[in-house]
Amino acid sequence: MKGHRSQRVGDALQLCLSEIFLTELKDPRTKLVTVSRVEVSSDLSHARVWVSALGSEDERLEAVDALRRASGFVRRTLAPRLRLRHVPELRFDLDRGPEHSQRINDLLATLEPAPHDDTHDDEHHDEHHDEHRNKHDDERAP
């Protein structure tokens, strides 16, 4: 069950990192950062941290860069909170999931619905109805 332990550590990391970003980091670029998810390696030596940030593309990339530069401080701050022998190495990445979803929604909104051919549906319905009626007539015959 090594996956269960890495999941528990990932959940604890996500909670602690969110708190540290809000209360401990002084860099204003990191104030509007949210931890989206954390994946921890099975040996607990590495953690990949996805963050989302408000602002322009440049501002979001700067926020991730600020987190990368502060990773040593963040790890030292995490150590007493996590009670692990070794705090995982942190790798910060910008979570592009929300913008990817928005892009898909925008593309779907531009699609025109296919024209609906009512005549085909009526023919199919009539054939099915006739077939069903004939089956019941056969069952009633002596």
Protein backbone atom coordinates (compact mmCIF):
# COMPACT_ATOMS: atom_id res chain seq x y z
CA MET A 1 0.00 0.00 0.00
CA LYS A 2 2.80 2.42 -0.76
CA GLY A 3 0.41 4.49 -2.90
CA HIS A 4 -1.81 5.11 0.12
CA ARG A 5 1.06 6.60 2.12
CA SER A 6 2.24 8.83 -0.73
CA GLN A 7 -1.37 10.00 -1.15
CA ARG A 8 -1.61 10.88 2.55
CA VAL A 9 1.69 12.77 2.38
CA GLY A 10 0.50 14.55 -0.77
CA ASP A 11 -2.70 15.63 0.95
CA ALA A 12 -0.74 16.91 3.97
CA LEU A 13 1.68 18.73 1.67
CA GLN A 14 -1.16 20.41 -0.19
CA LEU A 15 -2.68 21.68 3.03
CA CYS A 16 0.63 22.85 4.53
CA LEU A 17 1.83 24.47 1.30
CA SER A 18 -1.41 26.43 0.96
CA GLU A 19 -0.97 27.74 4.49
CA ILE A 20 2.70 28.59 3.94
CA PHE A 21 1.94 30.46 0.71
CA LEU A 22 -0.62 32.60 2.52
CA THR A 23 1.19 33.27 5.78
CA GLU A 24 4.93 32.71 5.44
CA LEU A 25 6.03 33.81 1.99
CA LYS A 26 6.68 37.52 1.68
CA ASP A 27 6.94 37.64 -2.11
CA PRO A 28 3.77 39.37 -3.39
CA ARG A 29 3.86 37.26 -6.57
CA THR A 30 2.94 34.18 -4.52
CA LYS A 31 -0.09 35.62 -2.72
CA LEU A 32 -2.60 34.69 -5.42
CA VAL A 33 -1.32 31.14 -5.86
CA THR A 34 -3.48 28.10 -5.12
CA VAL A 35 -2.19 24.55 -4.81
CA SER A 36 -4.23 22.47 -7.26
CA ARG A 37 -2.77 19.07 -6.53
CA VAL A 38 0.33 17.33 -5.26
CA GLU A 39 1.81 14.03 -6.41
CA VAL A 40 4.41 12.39 -4.23
CA SER A 41 6.77 9.67 -5.42
CA SER A 42 6.35 6.24 -3.84
CA ASP A 43 9.63 6.65 -1.91
CA LEU A 44 8.46 10.10 -0.69
CA SER A 45 11.63 11.74 -1.98
CA HIS A 46 10.01 13.99 -4.60
CA ALA A 47 6.77 15.92 -4.82
CA ARG A 48 5.36 17.56 -7.89
CA VAL A 49 3.18 20.52 -6.92
CA TRP A 50 0.72 21.97 -9.44
CA VAL A 51 -0.36 25.50 -8.73
CA SER A 52 -2.80 27.87 -10.35
CA ALA A 53 -2.35 31.61 -10.18
CA LEU A 54 -4.37 34.65 -11.10
CA GLY A 55 -3.11 37.21 -13.56
CA SER A 56 -1.64 37.34 -17.02
CA GLU A 57 0.47 34.53 -18.42
CA ASP A 58 3.64 36.42 -17.47
CA GLU A 59 2.39 37.02 -13.92
CA ARG A 60 1.49 33.37 -13.49
CA LEU A 61 4.89 32.23 -14.74
CA GLU A 62 6.57 34.73 -12.41
CA ALA A 63 4.58 33.33 -9.49
CA VAL A 64 5.78 29.79 -10.28
CA ASP A 65 9.34 31.09 -10.64
CA ALA A 66 9.06 32.79 -7.23
CA LEU A 67 7.92 29.49 -5.70
CA ARG A 68 10.83 27.65 -7.28
CA ARG A 69 13.25 30.21 -5.85
CA ALA A 70 11.65 29.89 -2.41
CA SER A 71 11.59 26.08 -2.42
CA GLY A 72 14.45 25.79 0.11
CA PHE A 73 12.65 28.07 2.55
CA VAL A 74 9.37 26.26 1.91
CA ARG A 75 10.96 22.86 2.62
CA ARG A 76 12.51 24.13 5.87
CA THR A 77 9.13 25.53 6.90
CA LEU A 78 7.42 22.24 6.03
CA ALA A 79 9.81 20.06 8.04
CA PRO A 80 8.33 20.60 11.54
CA ARG A 81 4.76 20.48 10.20
CA LEU A 82 5.02 17.19 8.32
CA ARG A 83 6.97 15.17 10.89
CA LEU A 84 8.77 13.20 8.17
CA ARG A 85 12.36 12.06 8.31
CA HIS A 86 13.00 13.80 4.97
CA VAL A 87 10.87 16.48 3.35
CA PRO A 88 10.40 15.69 -0.35
CA GLU A 89 12.15 17.77 -2.99
CA LEU A 90 9.54 20.13 -4.39
CA ARG A 91 8.93 20.74 -8.06
CA PHE A 92 6.47 23.52 -8.83
CA ASP A 93 4.53 23.56 -12.10
CA LEU A 94 1.77 25.76 -13.42
CA ASP A 95 -1.51 23.85 -13.57
CA ARG A 96 -2.95 24.47 -16.99
CA GLY A 97 -6.00 22.28 -16.45
CA PRO A 98 -8.48 25.12 -15.92
CA GLU A 99 -7.33 27.05 -18.99
CA HIS A 100 -7.31 23.83 -21.03
CA SER A 101 -10.92 23.18 -19.99
CA GLN A 102 -11.88 26.74 -20.89
CA ARG A 103 -10.25 26.35 -24.32
CA ILE A 104 -12.25 23.17 -24.97
CA ASN A 105 -15.47 24.90 -23.88
CA ASP A 106 -14.70 27.84 -26.19
CA LEU A 107 -14.09 25.48 -29.12
CA LEU A 108 -17.29 23.56 -28.42
CA ALA A 109 -19.24 26.82 -28.31
CA THR A 110 -18.07 27.67 -31.85
CA LEU A 111 -19.36 24.40 -33.32
CA GLU A 112 -22.66 24.51 -35.12
CA PRO A 113 -25.09 21.70 -34.40
CA ALA A 114 -25.53 19.17 -37.18
CA PRO A 115 -28.77 19.60 -39.12
CA HIS A 116 -31.44 17.20 -37.90
CA ASP A 117 -33.16 15.08 -40.55
CA ASP A 118 -36.71 14.45 -39.28
CA THR A 119 -37.75 12.35 -42.28
CA HIS A 120 -35.27 9.60 -41.51
CA ASP A 121 -36.42 9.38 -37.89
CA ASP A 122 -40.07 9.13 -38.95
CA GLU A 123 -39.32 6.34 -41.42
CA HIS A 124 -37.34 4.42 -38.83
CA HIS A 125 -40.08 4.92 -36.26
CA ASP A 126 -42.78 3.73 -38.67
CA GLU A 127 -40.78 0.63 -39.64
CA HIS A 128 -40.17 -0.23 -36.01
CA HIS A 129 -43.83 0.37 -35.14
CA ASP A 130 -45.05 -1.83 -38.01
CA GLU A 131 -42.60 -4.56 -37.08
CA HIS A 132 -43.73 -4.43 -33.45
CA ARG A 133 -47.44 -4.49 -34.46
CA ASN A 134 -46.88 -7.52 -36.75
CA LYS A 135 -45.14 -9.40 -33.97
CA HIS A 136 -48.08 -8.88 -31.62
CA ASP A 137 -50.56 -9.88 -34.34
CA ASP A 138 -48.64 -13.14 -34.85
CA GLU A 139 -48.75 -13.86 -31.11
CA ARG A 140 -52.55 -13.40 -31.01
CA ALA A 141 -53.27 -15.63 -34.00
CA PRO A 142 -54.54 -19.15 -33.10
